[in-house]
Amino acid sequence: MANYYLPHLVTHEVGGYPLWELAYPRPYWPQLKSFSRKAGIDPYFALAIMREESHFNPRALSSSKAMGLMQLMPGTAKHVARKKNIELKKKEDIYNPELNTLLGHFILEGFLNASSLNLFTQQGATMRDRTTCLNGLSAGKGENPLDAFVEQIPFNETKNYVKRVYLSYKLYKQIYSS
């Protein structure tokens, strides 16, 4: 489907802006590139998470109380901030876009360092109980192709989330890598 619609996104404009820039924006791009480089994470992956998690709303609050652009759980954000010697005076500080994306990158970096799983298997695993979600992986090490992993996720909400993030990621790469 993306291959069908992408040419239309690239050639059409709305209000003087290419339609693809409106559908797949790159807010906070300079800091995302910097944080991503330090964490060893593709900045387009961070954008895909932000697009799907918060729709780039820095004040987003989920029903599970995840906060900000990268939808961080307050307890996790506080733990990572303490570990990285980052001052987090009050819970509302998590809504700060720069702090939220910095902590989000540290969290993703921690997942990558903790196992050999790729970013998408890790992101799916964080949505629900990590152990339960990862039981679908062969030997727990991401030996199955990504599409096979996604179809093995036992939770429909998580499965659909991983698909959305992956599609956004692929479209960001396709749009901006040329």
N, C-alpha and C. Protein backbone atom coordinates (compact mmCIF):
# COMPACT_ATOMS: atom_id res chain seq x y z
N MET A 1 0.82 -1.17 0.00
CA MET A 1 0.00 0.00 0.00
C MET A 1 0.88 1.26 0.00
N ALA A 2 1.95 1.22 0.78
CA ALA A 2 2.84 2.39 0.84
C ALA A 2 3.42 2.70 -0.53
N ASN A 3 3.77 1.66 -1.28
CA ASN A 3 4.33 1.88 -2.61
C ASN A 3 3.32 2.55 -3.54
N TYR A 4 2.03 2.29 -3.31
CA TYR A 4 1.00 2.90 -4.13
C TYR A 4 0.82 4.38 -3.77
N TYR A 5 0.74 4.67 -2.48
CA TYR A 5 0.44 6.03 -2.03
C TYR A 5 1.64 6.95 -1.95
N LEU A 6 2.84 6.40 -1.78
CA LEU A 6 4.02 7.24 -1.60
C LEU A 6 4.23 8.23 -2.73
N PRO A 7 4.11 7.84 -4.01
CA PRO A 7 4.29 8.84 -5.07
C PRO A 7 3.32 10.01 -4.94
N HIS A 8 2.10 9.75 -4.48
CA HIS A 8 1.13 10.84 -4.29
C HIS A 8 1.55 11.74 -3.13
N LEU A 9 2.08 11.15 -2.08
CA LEU A 9 2.55 11.93 -0.94
C LEU A 9 3.70 12.84 -1.34
N VAL A 10 4.57 12.34 -2.19
CA VAL A 10 5.77 13.08 -2.55
C VAL A 10 5.46 14.22 -3.51
N THR A 11 4.47 14.06 -4.39
CA THR A 11 4.23 15.07 -5.43
C THR A 11 3.15 16.09 -5.08
N HIS A 12 2.32 15.84 -4.10
CA HIS A 12 1.24 16.77 -3.76
C HIS A 12 1.66 17.69 -2.63
N GLU A 13 1.11 18.91 -2.67
CA GLU A 13 1.39 19.89 -1.63
C GLU A 13 0.10 20.38 -0.99
N VAL A 14 0.21 20.75 0.27
CA VAL A 14 -0.90 21.35 1.01
C VAL A 14 -0.34 22.58 1.71
N GLY A 15 -0.87 23.74 1.37
CA GLY A 15 -0.39 24.96 1.99
C GLY A 15 1.08 25.23 1.75
N GLY A 16 1.59 24.80 0.61
CA GLY A 16 2.99 25.03 0.28
C GLY A 16 3.95 23.98 0.83
N TYR A 17 3.43 23.00 1.57
CA TYR A 17 4.28 21.94 2.13
C TYR A 17 3.98 20.62 1.41
N PRO A 18 5.02 19.85 1.12
CA PRO A 18 4.76 18.52 0.56
C PRO A 18 3.89 17.72 1.54
N LEU A 19 2.93 17.00 1.01
CA LEU A 19 2.00 16.24 1.84
C LEU A 19 2.74 15.25 2.75
N TRP A 20 3.82 14.66 2.25
CA TRP A 20 4.55 13.68 3.07
C TRP A 20 5.16 14.33 4.30
N GLU A 21 5.52 15.62 4.23
CA GLU A 21 6.06 16.30 5.41
C GLU A 21 4.99 16.48 6.47
N LEU A 22 3.75 16.64 6.05
CA LEU A 22 2.66 16.78 7.00
C LEU A 22 2.28 15.43 7.60
N ALA A 23 2.31 14.38 6.79
CA ALA A 23 1.94 13.05 7.27
C ALA A 23 3.05 12.40 8.08
N TYR A 24 4.30 12.68 7.73
CA TYR A 24 5.46 12.09 8.41
C TYR A 24 6.46 13.19 8.75
N PRO A 25 6.10 14.02 9.71
CA PRO A 25 6.99 15.15 10.07
C PRO A 25 8.20 14.67 10.86
N ARG A 26 9.17 15.57 11.00
CA ARG A 26 10.38 15.27 11.77
C ARG A 26 10.59 16.34 12.87
N PRO A 27 9.64 16.45 13.80
CA PRO A 27 9.85 17.42 14.87
C PRO A 27 11.00 17.00 15.76
N TYR A 28 11.64 17.97 16.35
CA TYR A 28 12.76 17.71 17.27
C TYR A 28 13.91 16.99 16.57
N TRP A 29 14.02 17.14 15.26
CA TRP A 29 14.98 16.38 14.46
C TRP A 29 16.43 16.54 14.90
N PRO A 30 16.95 17.75 15.12
CA PRO A 30 18.36 17.85 15.52
C PRO A 30 18.67 17.09 16.81
N GLN A 31 17.82 17.23 17.83
CA GLN A 31 18.11 16.51 19.07
C GLN A 31 17.90 15.01 18.91
N LEU A 32 16.92 14.60 18.11
CA LEU A 32 16.71 13.16 17.88
C LEU A 32 17.94 12.54 17.22
N LYS A 33 18.48 13.23 16.22
CA LYS A 33 19.68 12.70 15.56
C LYS A 33 20.83 12.58 16.55
N SER A 34 21.00 13.58 17.38
CA SER A 34 22.09 13.56 18.36
C SER A 34 21.90 12.43 19.37
N PHE A 35 20.72 12.32 19.96
CA PHE A 35 20.45 11.27 20.95
C PHE A 35 20.56 9.89 20.30
N SER A 36 20.05 9.76 19.08
CA SER A 36 20.07 8.47 18.39
C SER A 36 21.48 8.02 18.08
N ARG A 37 22.31 8.96 17.65
CA ARG A 37 23.71 8.63 17.35
C ARG A 37 24.40 8.10 18.61
N LYS A 38 24.21 8.78 19.73
CA LYS A 38 24.84 8.36 20.99
C LYS A 38 24.33 7.01 21.48
N ALA A 39 23.04 6.73 21.24
CA ALA A 39 22.44 5.49 21.72
C ALA A 39 22.57 4.35 20.72
N GLY A 40 23.01 4.65 19.50
CA GLY A 40 23.11 3.61 18.48
C GLY A 40 21.75 3.17 17.96
N ILE A 41 20.82 4.12 17.89
CA ILE A 41 19.45 3.84 17.45
C ILE A 41 19.16 4.68 16.21
N ASP A 42 18.47 4.10 15.25
CA ASP A 42 18.08 4.83 14.06
C ASP A 42 17.09 5.94 14.46
N PRO A 43 17.38 7.20 14.12
CA PRO A 43 16.46 8.28 14.52
C PRO A 43 15.06 8.13 13.91
N TYR A 44 14.96 7.44 12.78
CA TYR A 44 13.65 7.23 12.19
C TYR A 44 12.82 6.26 13.02
N PHE A 45 13.49 5.37 13.74
CA PHE A 45 12.77 4.48 14.66
C PHE A 45 12.17 5.30 15.80
N ALA A 46 12.96 6.23 16.33
CA ALA A 46 12.45 7.10 17.40
C ALA A 46 11.27 7.93 16.90
N LEU A 47 11.36 8.45 15.68
CA LEU A 47 10.24 9.21 15.11
C LEU A 47 9.00 8.33 14.96
N ALA A 48 9.19 7.10 14.51
CA ALA A 48 8.06 6.18 14.33
C ALA A 48 7.38 5.91 15.67
N ILE A 49 8.16 5.73 16.71
CA ILE A 49 7.57 5.51 18.04
C ILE A 49 6.78 6.74 18.46
N MET A 50 7.38 7.92 18.31
CA MET A 50 6.71 9.15 18.71
C MET A 50 5.43 9.37 17.90
N ARG A 51 5.49 9.07 16.62
CA ARG A 51 4.31 9.27 15.75
C ARG A 51 3.17 8.36 16.20
N GLU A 52 3.49 7.11 16.48
CA GLU A 52 2.45 6.15 16.84
C GLU A 52 2.03 6.25 18.30
N GLU A 53 2.96 6.56 19.19
CA GLU A 53 2.66 6.61 20.63
C GLU A 53 1.90 7.87 21.03
N SER A 54 2.40 9.03 20.61
CA SER A 54 1.86 10.29 21.10
C SER A 54 1.34 11.21 20.00
N HIS A 55 1.52 10.81 18.76
CA HIS A 55 1.18 11.68 17.62
C HIS A 55 1.89 13.03 17.76
N PHE A 56 3.09 12.98 18.31
CA PHE A 56 3.97 14.14 18.52
C PHE A 56 3.39 15.16 19.50
N ASN A 57 2.51 14.72 20.36
CA ASN A 57 1.95 15.60 21.39
C ASN A 57 2.82 15.47 22.64
N PRO A 58 3.60 16.48 22.99
CA PRO A 58 4.48 16.37 24.15
C PRO A 58 3.72 16.25 25.47
N ARG A 59 2.42 16.58 25.49
CA ARG A 59 1.61 16.48 26.71
C ARG A 59 0.73 15.23 26.70
N ALA A 60 0.99 14.29 25.81
CA ALA A 60 0.17 13.08 25.72
C ALA A 60 0.25 12.29 27.03
N LEU A 61 -0.89 11.77 27.45
CA LEU A 61 -0.99 10.93 28.64
C LEU A 61 -1.89 9.76 28.28
N SER A 62 -1.35 8.55 28.36
CA SER A 62 -2.13 7.37 27.98
C SER A 62 -3.00 6.91 29.15
N SER A 63 -3.90 5.99 28.86
CA SER A 63 -4.75 5.43 29.91
C SER A 63 -3.94 4.67 30.95
N SER A 64 -2.75 4.21 30.56
CA SER A 64 -1.87 3.51 31.51
C SER A 64 -0.90 4.47 32.20
N LYS A 65 -1.10 5.78 31.97
CA LYS A 65 -0.32 6.86 32.60
C LYS A 65 1.07 7.05 31.99
N ALA A 66 1.31 6.51 30.79
CA ALA A 66 2.56 6.78 30.08
C ALA A 66 2.51 8.23 29.61
N MET A 67 3.66 8.89 29.65
CA MET A 67 3.69 10.35 29.47
C MET A 67 4.60 10.80 28.34
N GLY A 68 4.15 11.85 27.64
CA GLY A 68 5.00 12.57 26.70
C GLY A 68 5.16 11.94 25.34
N LEU A 69 6.12 12.49 24.61
CA LEU A 69 6.34 12.11 23.22
C LEU A 69 6.60 10.62 23.03
N MET A 70 7.43 10.05 23.89
CA MET A 70 7.79 8.64 23.74
C MET A 70 7.02 7.75 24.71
N GLN A 71 6.01 8.34 25.36
CA GLN A 71 5.11 7.61 26.26
C GLN A 71 5.88 6.79 27.30
N LEU A 72 6.57 7.51 28.16
CA LEU A 72 7.37 6.89 29.21
C LEU A 72 6.55 6.69 30.47
N MET A 73 6.73 5.54 31.10
CA MET A 73 6.10 5.31 32.39
C MET A 73 6.89 6.09 33.43
N PRO A 74 6.22 6.80 34.32
CA PRO A 74 6.92 7.64 35.30
C PRO A 74 7.98 6.90 36.12
N GLY A 75 7.67 5.71 36.58
CA GLY A 75 8.63 4.95 37.38
C GLY A 75 9.89 4.62 36.59
N THR A 76 9.72 4.21 35.35
CA THR A 76 10.86 3.89 34.49
C THR A 76 11.67 5.14 34.20
N ALA A 77 10.97 6.23 33.88
CA ALA A 77 11.66 7.50 33.59
C ALA A 77 12.48 7.96 34.80
N LYS A 78 11.90 7.88 35.99
CA LYS A 78 12.61 8.29 37.20
C LYS A 78 13.82 7.40 37.45
N HIS A 79 13.66 6.10 37.27
CA HIS A 79 14.76 5.16 37.47
C HIS A 79 15.92 5.46 36.51
N VAL A 80 15.60 5.64 35.24
CA VAL A 80 16.64 5.92 34.24
C VAL A 80 17.29 7.27 34.51
N ALA A 81 16.50 8.27 34.86
CA ALA A 81 17.05 9.60 35.16
C ALA A 81 18.04 9.51 36.33
N ARG A 82 17.66 8.79 37.37
CA ARG A 82 18.56 8.61 38.52
C ARG A 82 19.85 7.91 38.10
N LYS A 83 19.70 6.86 37.34
CA LYS A 83 20.85 6.06 36.89
C LYS A 83 21.81 6.89 36.02
N LYS A 84 21.26 7.81 35.23
CA LYS A 84 22.06 8.63 34.31
C LYS A 84 22.40 10.00 34.89
N ASN A 85 22.11 10.20 36.17
CA ASN A 85 22.38 11.49 36.84
C ASN A 85 21.70 12.67 36.15
N ILE A 86 20.46 12.47 35.77
CA ILE A 86 19.65 13.52 35.15
C ILE A 86 18.64 13.98 36.19
N GLU A 87 18.58 15.29 36.37
CA GLU A 87 17.67 15.84 37.38
C GLU A 87 16.22 15.80 36.88
N LEU A 88 15.40 15.13 37.64
CA LEU A 88 13.97 15.05 37.37
C LEU A 88 13.28 15.52 38.65
N LYS A 89 12.98 16.82 38.71
CA LYS A 89 12.46 17.43 39.94
C LYS A 89 11.05 16.96 40.27
N LYS A 90 10.21 16.88 39.25
CA LYS A 90 8.83 16.46 39.48
C LYS A 90 8.36 15.63 38.28
N LYS A 91 7.31 14.87 38.51
CA LYS A 91 6.80 13.98 37.47
C LYS A 91 6.47 14.72 36.18
N GLU A 92 5.98 15.94 36.28
CA GLU A 92 5.60 16.72 35.09
C GLU A 92 6.80 17.03 34.19
N ASP A 93 8.01 16.94 34.73
CA ASP A 93 9.21 17.17 33.91
C ASP A 93 9.30 16.16 32.77
N ILE A 94 8.65 15.02 32.93
CA ILE A 94 8.67 13.98 31.88
C ILE A 94 8.01 14.49 30.60
N TYR A 95 7.15 15.49 30.71
CA TYR A 95 6.52 16.07 29.52
C TYR A 95 7.46 16.95 28.71
N ASN A 96 8.58 17.34 29.27
CA ASN A 96 9.55 18.17 28.54
C ASN A 96 10.05 17.37 27.34
N PRO A 97 9.85 17.89 26.10
CA PRO A 97 10.21 17.11 24.91
C PRO A 97 11.67 16.65 24.89
N GLU A 98 12.60 17.53 25.24
CA GLU A 98 14.01 17.14 25.20
C GLU A 98 14.31 16.06 26.23
N LEU A 99 13.82 16.23 27.43
CA LEU A 99 14.05 15.25 28.49
C LEU A 99 13.37 13.93 28.16
N ASN A 100 12.15 13.98 27.66
CA ASN A 100 11.40 12.78 27.32
C ASN A 100 12.11 11.97 26.24
N THR A 101 12.58 12.65 25.20
CA THR A 101 13.26 11.92 24.12
C THR A 101 14.62 11.41 24.58
N LEU A 102 15.31 12.16 25.42
CA LEU A 102 16.59 11.70 25.95
C LEU A 102 16.39 10.43 26.78
N LEU A 103 15.45 10.47 27.72
CA LEU A 103 15.18 9.30 28.55
C LEU A 103 14.68 8.13 27.70
N GLY A 104 13.84 8.42 26.71
CA GLY A 104 13.35 7.38 25.81
C GLY A 104 14.49 6.69 25.07
N HIS A 105 15.47 7.46 24.64
CA HIS A 105 16.63 6.87 23.96
C HIS A 105 17.45 6.01 24.91
N PHE A 106 17.64 6.47 26.14
CA PHE A 106 18.36 5.66 27.13
C PHE A 106 17.64 4.34 27.39
N ILE A 107 16.31 4.40 27.45
CA ILE A 107 15.54 3.18 27.68
C ILE A 107 15.70 2.22 26.51
N LEU A 108 15.57 2.73 25.27
CA LEU A 108 15.76 1.87 24.10
C LEU A 108 17.17 1.31 24.04
N GLU A 109 18.15 2.14 24.36
CA GLU A 109 19.54 1.68 24.38
C GLU A 109 19.71 0.56 25.40
N GLY A 110 19.08 0.69 26.55
CA GLY A 110 19.15 -0.35 27.57
C GLY A 110 18.55 -1.66 27.10
N PHE A 111 17.44 -1.59 26.36
CA PHE A 111 16.84 -2.81 25.82
C PHE A 111 17.78 -3.48 24.84
N LEU A 112 18.40 -2.68 23.98
CA LEU A 112 19.31 -3.25 22.98
C LEU A 112 20.52 -3.89 23.64
N ASN A 113 21.03 -3.26 24.69
CA ASN A 113 22.20 -3.81 25.37
C ASN A 113 21.87 -5.04 26.20
N ALA A 114 20.60 -5.20 26.57
CA ALA A 114 20.20 -6.31 27.44
C ALA A 114 20.02 -7.62 26.69
N SER A 115 19.88 -7.56 25.38
CA SER A 115 19.65 -8.80 24.63
C SER A 115 20.06 -8.61 23.18
N SER A 116 19.96 -9.70 22.45
CA SER A 116 20.30 -9.63 21.02
C SER A 116 19.08 -9.36 20.16
N LEU A 117 17.96 -9.03 20.76
CA LEU A 117 16.76 -8.76 19.99
C LEU A 117 16.87 -7.44 19.25
N ASN A 118 16.22 -7.35 18.10
CA ASN A 118 16.25 -6.09 17.37
C ASN A 118 15.26 -5.10 17.96
N LEU A 119 15.27 -3.87 17.48
CA LEU A 119 14.43 -2.81 18.04
C LEU A 119 12.95 -3.15 18.01
N PHE A 120 12.49 -3.80 16.96
CA PHE A 120 11.05 -4.04 16.86
C PHE A 120 10.61 -5.15 17.79
N THR A 121 11.41 -6.18 17.96
CA THR A 121 11.03 -7.21 18.92
C THR A 121 11.08 -6.64 20.32
N GLN A 122 12.05 -5.77 20.60
CA GLN A 122 12.11 -5.14 21.91
C GLN A 122 10.93 -4.23 22.14
N GLN A 123 10.57 -3.42 21.15
CA GLN A 123 9.47 -2.49 21.34
C GLN A 123 8.18 -3.24 21.59
N GLY A 124 7.97 -4.33 20.89
CA GLY A 124 6.78 -5.14 21.15
C GLY A 124 6.81 -5.73 22.54
N ALA A 125 7.98 -6.10 22.97
CA ALA A 125 8.12 -6.72 24.29
C ALA A 125 7.84 -5.74 25.40
N THR A 126 8.06 -4.47 25.17
CA THR A 126 7.85 -3.50 26.24
C THR A 126 6.38 -3.17 26.43
N MET A 127 5.55 -3.48 25.47
CA MET A 127 4.14 -3.12 25.56
C MET A 127 3.41 -3.92 26.64
N ARG A 128 3.79 -5.14 26.84
CA ARG A 128 3.16 -6.01 27.83
C ARG A 128 4.28 -6.68 28.61
N ASP A 129 3.92 -7.62 29.41
CA ASP A 129 4.93 -8.34 30.16
C ASP A 129 5.98 -8.89 29.20
N ARG A 130 7.21 -8.46 29.39
CA ARG A 130 8.30 -8.78 28.47
C ARG A 130 8.46 -10.29 28.28
N THR A 131 8.47 -11.01 29.35
CA THR A 131 8.70 -12.46 29.27
C THR A 131 7.60 -13.15 28.49
N THR A 132 6.36 -12.81 28.77
CA THR A 132 5.24 -13.44 28.07
C THR A 132 5.31 -13.16 26.58
N CYS A 133 5.57 -11.92 26.23
CA CYS A 133 5.62 -11.54 24.82
C CYS A 133 6.76 -12.24 24.10
N LEU A 134 7.89 -12.37 24.76
CA LEU A 134 9.06 -12.95 24.11
C LEU A 134 8.99 -14.47 24.00
N ASN A 135 8.02 -15.10 24.66
CA ASN A 135 7.88 -16.54 24.54
C ASN A 135 7.61 -16.97 23.11
N GLY A 136 7.09 -16.07 22.30
CA GLY A 136 6.83 -16.39 20.90
C GLY A 136 8.08 -16.47 20.05
N LEU A 137 9.19 -16.01 20.58
CA LEU A 137 10.43 -16.05 19.81
C LEU A 137 11.13 -17.39 19.97
N SER A 138 11.69 -17.86 18.89
CA SER A 138 12.46 -19.09 18.94
C SER A 138 13.68 -18.90 19.81
N ALA A 139 13.77 -19.64 20.88
CA ALA A 139 14.89 -19.59 21.83
C ALA A 139 15.07 -18.22 22.45
N GLY A 140 14.09 -17.34 22.30
CA GLY A 140 14.15 -16.02 22.90
C GLY A 140 15.21 -15.11 22.34
N LYS A 141 15.77 -15.41 21.20
CA LYS A 141 16.88 -14.61 20.67
C LYS A 141 16.59 -13.98 19.32
N GLY A 142 15.35 -13.91 18.92
CA GLY A 142 15.03 -13.20 17.68
C GLY A 142 15.51 -13.93 16.43
N GLU A 143 15.49 -15.26 16.47
CA GLU A 143 15.97 -16.02 15.33
C GLU A 143 14.95 -16.05 14.19
N ASN A 144 13.70 -15.81 14.50
CA ASN A 144 12.67 -15.78 13.46
C ASN A 144 12.72 -14.44 12.74
N PRO A 145 12.32 -14.43 11.46
CA PRO A 145 12.21 -13.14 10.77
C PRO A 145 11.20 -12.26 11.49
N LEU A 146 11.31 -10.96 11.28
CA LEU A 146 10.45 -10.01 11.98
C LEU A 146 8.97 -10.30 11.76
N ASP A 147 8.58 -10.59 10.52
CA ASP A 147 7.15 -10.83 10.27
C ASP A 147 6.66 -12.05 11.02
N ALA A 148 7.50 -13.09 11.13
CA ALA A 148 7.10 -14.27 11.89
C ALA A 148 6.99 -13.94 13.37
N PHE A 149 7.93 -13.14 13.87
CA PHE A 149 7.86 -12.72 15.28
C PHE A 149 6.56 -11.98 15.55
N VAL A 150 6.24 -11.03 14.68
CA VAL A 150 5.05 -10.20 14.89
C VAL A 150 3.80 -11.06 14.93
N GLU A 151 3.70 -12.01 14.03
CA GLU A 151 2.51 -12.86 13.99
C GLU A 151 2.43 -13.79 15.20
N GLN A 152 3.55 -14.03 15.88
CA GLN A 152 3.55 -14.88 17.07
C GLN A 152 3.20 -14.12 18.35
N ILE A 153 3.13 -12.80 18.28
CA ILE A 153 2.78 -12.03 19.48
C ILE A 153 1.36 -12.40 19.88
N PRO A 154 1.18 -12.87 21.11
CA PRO A 154 -0.14 -13.36 21.51
C PRO A 154 -1.17 -12.27 21.81
N PHE A 155 -0.73 -11.02 21.88
CA PHE A 155 -1.65 -9.93 22.23
C PHE A 155 -1.93 -9.09 20.99
N ASN A 156 -3.19 -9.03 20.58
CA ASN A 156 -3.54 -8.28 19.37
C ASN A 156 -3.14 -6.82 19.46
N GLU A 157 -3.35 -6.20 20.61
CA GLU A 157 -2.99 -4.79 20.76
C GLU A 157 -1.50 -4.58 20.51
N THR A 158 -0.68 -5.45 21.07
CA THR A 158 0.77 -5.35 20.90
C THR A 158 1.16 -5.64 19.45
N LYS A 159 0.57 -6.67 18.88
CA LYS A 159 0.86 -7.04 17.49
C LYS A 159 0.55 -5.87 16.56
N ASN A 160 -0.61 -5.27 16.73
CA ASN A 160 -1.00 -4.14 15.87
C ASN A 160 -0.10 -2.94 16.10
N TYR A 161 0.30 -2.72 17.34
CA TYR A 161 1.21 -1.62 17.66
C TYR A 161 2.55 -1.80 16.94
N VAL A 162 3.12 -2.99 17.02
CA VAL A 162 4.41 -3.25 16.38
C VAL A 162 4.29 -3.07 14.87
N LYS A 163 3.20 -3.51 14.30
CA LYS A 163 2.98 -3.32 12.86
C LYS A 163 2.91 -1.83 12.50
N ARG A 164 2.21 -1.05 13.32
CA ARG A 164 2.10 0.40 13.04
C ARG A 164 3.46 1.08 13.14
N VAL A 165 4.22 0.76 14.18
CA VAL A 165 5.54 1.38 14.34
C VAL A 165 6.44 0.98 13.18
N TYR A 166 6.40 -0.29 12.81
CA TYR A 166 7.25 -0.76 11.71
C TYR A 166 6.88 -0.08 10.40
N LEU A 167 5.59 0.06 10.12
CA LEU A 167 5.16 0.72 8.89
C LEU A 167 5.61 2.18 8.89
N SER A 168 5.42 2.87 10.01
CA SER A 168 5.88 4.27 10.09
C SER A 168 7.38 4.35 9.89
N TYR A 169 8.11 3.44 10.50
CA TYR A 169 9.57 3.43 10.36
C TYR A 169 9.97 3.24 8.90
N LYS A 170 9.37 2.26 8.24
CA LYS A 170 9.72 2.00 6.84
C LYS A 170 9.37 3.20 5.96
N LEU A 171 8.24 3.85 6.22
CA LEU A 171 7.86 5.02 5.42
C LEU A 171 8.80 6.19 5.69
N TYR A 172 9.17 6.42 6.93
CA TYR A 172 10.16 7.47 7.22
C TYR A 172 11.44 7.20 6.44
N LYS A 173 11.91 5.96 6.47
CA LYS A 173 13.15 5.62 5.76
C LYS A 173 12.98 5.84 4.26
N GLN A 174 11.85 5.42 3.72
CA GLN A 174 11.62 5.54 2.28
C GLN A 174 11.50 7.01 1.86
N ILE A 175 10.82 7.81 2.65
CA ILE A 175 10.60 9.21 2.30
C ILE A 175 11.87 10.03 2.42
N TYR A 176 12.60 9.88 3.51
CA TYR A 176 13.71 10.79 3.81
C TYR A 176 15.09 10.26 3.43
N SER A 177 15.19 9.01 3.05
CA SER A 177 16.51 8.46 2.73
C SER A 177 16.96 8.76 1.31
N SER A 178 16.10 9.37 0.52
CA SER A 178 16.49 9.65 -0.87
C SER A 178 17.17 10.98 -1.00
